[in-house]
Amino acid sequence: MEDDTGEKSSFIVGLIENRAKEVGVAAFDLRSASFDLSQYIETSSSYQNTKTLLNFYDPMVIIVTPAKTAPDGMVGVSELVDRFCSSTTKVIMARGCFDDTRGAALVKSLAANEPSALGLDSYSKQYYLCLAAAAATIKWIEAEKGLIITNHSLSNSTF
């Protein structure tokens, strides 16, 4: 569905993976100021779980780290975006922008819910990849879209 500006989607998605085939996803909806965070183990060499999420969000921009060879000959999320989402804008950000500590602090301060309700205090180490993706996604949105996200302004932050 397209909006008045011709954009078909309002989602900005950040993706990062580790050597253990875990993928962290941060999906920010510009229309509703909501943030969905997901972290999972990619069990398929074709990245089917990630493809399904990308199909669901249909993002206007996908933020990834620079391409590198993935474990076990898997293509990696950067290559997946090139192959599966060729019509979507791909933004490459340095791996240093994907900072899980910064992401946890940002999500805690920006979420409308109490941080304890999100479970971040006890799960931040478990969800480090999606928090890293959140940090990069917020950094890009603020720099490129000129959108300032104020404390306690995200209507729905979910894991």
Protein backbone atom coordinates (compact mmCIF):
# COMPACT_ATOMS: atom_id res chain seq x y z
CA MET A 1 0.00 0.00 0.00
CA GLU A 2 1.43 3.38 -1.01
CA ASP A 3 1.08 6.55 1.02
CA ASP A 4 0.68 10.12 -0.29
CA THR A 5 4.40 10.43 -1.06
CA GLY A 6 4.46 7.29 -3.21
CA GLU A 7 6.35 5.23 -0.62
CA LYS A 8 4.90 1.74 -0.32
CA SER A 9 6.31 1.09 3.13
CA SER A 10 7.20 3.02 6.22
CA PHE A 11 9.59 0.48 7.74
CA ILE A 12 13.34 0.88 8.16
CA VAL A 13 14.95 -2.48 8.99
CA GLY A 14 18.40 -3.10 10.47
CA LEU A 15 19.93 -6.58 10.07
CA ILE A 16 23.04 -8.11 11.60
CA GLU A 17 24.27 -11.67 12.01
CA ASN A 18 27.00 -13.46 13.94
CA ARG A 19 29.11 -16.53 13.21
CA ALA A 20 26.66 -18.80 15.04
CA LYS A 21 23.98 -18.06 12.40
CA GLU A 22 21.98 -15.84 14.75
CA VAL A 23 20.27 -12.87 13.14
CA GLY A 24 19.21 -9.67 14.86
CA VAL A 25 16.44 -7.57 13.34
CA ALA A 26 15.25 -4.10 14.29
CA ALA A 27 12.20 -2.85 12.38
CA PHE A 28 11.19 0.79 12.92
CA ASP A 29 7.84 2.00 11.58
CA LEU A 30 8.10 5.69 10.68
CA ARG A 31 4.31 6.10 10.60
CA SER A 32 3.53 4.76 14.07
CA ALA A 33 6.89 5.31 15.82
CA SER A 34 7.00 1.68 16.87
CA PHE A 35 9.98 -0.63 17.09
CA ASP A 36 9.94 -4.42 16.70
CA LEU A 37 13.06 -6.31 17.74
CA SER A 38 13.71 -9.95 16.84
CA GLN A 39 16.62 -12.30 17.32
CA TYR A 40 16.66 -15.88 16.16
CA ILE A 41 18.89 -18.64 14.87
CA GLU A 42 18.75 -18.93 11.09
CA THR A 43 18.28 -22.64 10.56
CA SER A 44 18.16 -22.59 6.79
CA SER A 45 21.05 -21.96 4.42
CA SER A 46 18.59 -20.02 2.27
CA TYR A 47 17.80 -17.63 5.16
CA GLN A 48 14.11 -18.47 4.97
CA ASN A 49 13.28 -16.94 8.38
CA THR A 50 14.92 -13.67 7.39
CA LYS A 51 13.22 -13.67 3.99
CA THR A 52 9.86 -14.16 5.70
CA LEU A 53 10.44 -11.20 8.02
CA LEU A 54 11.62 -9.00 5.17
CA ASN A 55 8.56 -9.96 3.16
CA PHE A 56 6.33 -9.14 6.15
CA TYR A 57 7.88 -5.70 6.80
CA ASP A 58 8.45 -4.86 3.11
CA PRO A 59 10.98 -2.20 4.19
CA MET A 60 11.82 0.95 2.29
CA VAL A 61 15.42 0.76 3.59
CA ILE A 62 17.49 -2.15 4.90
CA ILE A 63 20.59 -1.38 6.97
CA VAL A 64 23.34 -4.02 7.05
CA THR A 65 27.00 -4.42 7.92
CA PRO A 66 29.57 -4.74 5.13
CA ALA A 67 29.40 -8.10 3.32
CA LYS A 68 31.57 -10.90 4.57
CA THR A 69 31.67 -14.62 4.02
CA ALA A 70 29.06 -16.26 6.20
CA PRO A 71 29.68 -19.52 8.07
CA ASP A 72 29.13 -22.83 6.32
CA GLY A 73 28.96 -21.22 2.89
CA MET A 74 25.73 -19.38 3.70
CA VAL A 75 25.23 -16.20 1.70
CA GLY A 76 25.00 -13.77 4.64
CA VAL A 77 22.38 -11.09 5.21
CA SER A 78 24.08 -8.47 3.05
CA GLU A 79 24.14 -10.81 0.06
CA LEU A 80 20.59 -11.92 0.87
CA VAL A 81 19.41 -8.31 0.65
CA ASP A 82 21.13 -7.95 -2.74
CA ARG A 83 19.44 -11.09 -4.08
CA PHE A 84 16.04 -11.02 -2.39
CA CYS A 85 15.34 -7.29 -1.99
CA SER A 86 16.96 -5.78 -5.06
CA SER A 87 14.32 -3.02 -5.34
CA THR A 88 14.82 -1.96 -1.70
CA THR A 89 17.41 0.64 -0.75
CA LYS A 90 20.34 -1.07 0.96
CA VAL A 91 22.47 0.97 3.33
CA ILE A 92 25.82 -0.35 4.52
CA MET A 93 26.94 0.92 7.91
CA ALA A 94 30.20 0.11 9.67
CA ARG A 95 29.98 -2.76 12.14
CA GLY A 96 30.88 -0.28 14.89
CA CYS A 97 27.49 1.41 14.40
CA PHE A 98 25.87 -1.86 15.47
CA ASP A 99 26.59 -1.37 19.19
CA ASP A 100 24.43 -3.53 21.47
CA THR A 101 25.23 -1.51 24.61
CA ARG A 102 24.16 1.69 22.89
CA GLY A 103 21.10 -0.07 21.48
CA ALA A 104 20.00 -1.27 24.93
CA ALA A 105 20.39 2.23 26.35
CA LEU A 106 18.45 3.77 23.44
CA VAL A 107 15.59 1.28 23.61
CA LYS A 108 15.31 1.75 27.38
CA SER A 109 15.19 5.53 27.11
CA LEU A 110 12.99 5.79 24.01
CA ALA A 111 10.36 3.17 24.87
CA ALA A 112 7.03 4.41 26.17
CA ASN A 113 6.83 1.29 28.36
CA GLU A 114 8.84 0.98 31.53
CA PRO A 115 12.21 -0.66 30.80
CA SER A 116 11.40 -3.39 33.31
CA ALA A 117 8.23 -4.22 31.35
CA LEU A 118 10.37 -4.85 28.27
CA GLY A 119 12.58 -7.26 30.17
CA LEU A 120 15.73 -5.50 29.02
CA ASP A 121 17.39 -5.67 32.41
CA SER A 122 17.51 -9.45 32.37
CA TYR A 123 17.63 -10.15 28.63
CA SER A 124 19.99 -7.56 27.15
CA LYS A 125 22.80 -10.11 26.81
CA GLN A 126 20.45 -12.62 25.22
CA TYR A 127 19.18 -10.13 22.63
CA TYR A 128 22.45 -8.36 21.87
CA LEU A 129 22.13 -8.68 18.07
CA CYS A 130 18.70 -7.07 17.78
CA LEU A 131 19.82 -4.32 20.19
CA ALA A 132 22.87 -3.76 17.99
CA ALA A 133 20.57 -3.53 14.96
CA ALA A 134 18.41 -1.05 16.90
CA ALA A 135 21.41 1.20 17.54
CA ALA A 136 22.35 1.33 13.86
CA THR A 137 18.74 1.80 12.75
CA ILE A 138 18.14 4.71 15.14
CA LYS A 139 21.45 6.31 14.18
CA TRP A 140 20.55 6.12 10.46
CA ILE A 141 16.99 7.41 10.98
CA GLU A 142 18.20 10.40 12.96
CA ALA A 143 21.02 11.21 10.50
CA GLU A 144 19.30 10.53 7.17
CA LYS A 145 15.62 11.16 7.86
CA GLY A 146 16.23 14.08 10.23
CA LEU A 147 13.86 12.50 12.71
CA ILE A 148 14.65 13.08 16.37
CA ILE A 149 13.28 10.32 18.57
CA THR A 150 12.60 11.68 22.05
CA ASN A 151 12.58 9.77 25.32
CA HIS A 152 9.50 7.62 25.99
CA SER A 153 8.10 8.37 22.51
CA LEU A 154 8.07 4.89 20.91
CA SER A 155 4.49 3.69 21.08
CA ASN A 156 5.29 -0.02 20.99
CA SER A 157 8.66 -1.60 21.56
CA THR A 158 8.47 -5.36 21.42
CA PHE A 159 10.84 -8.30 21.46
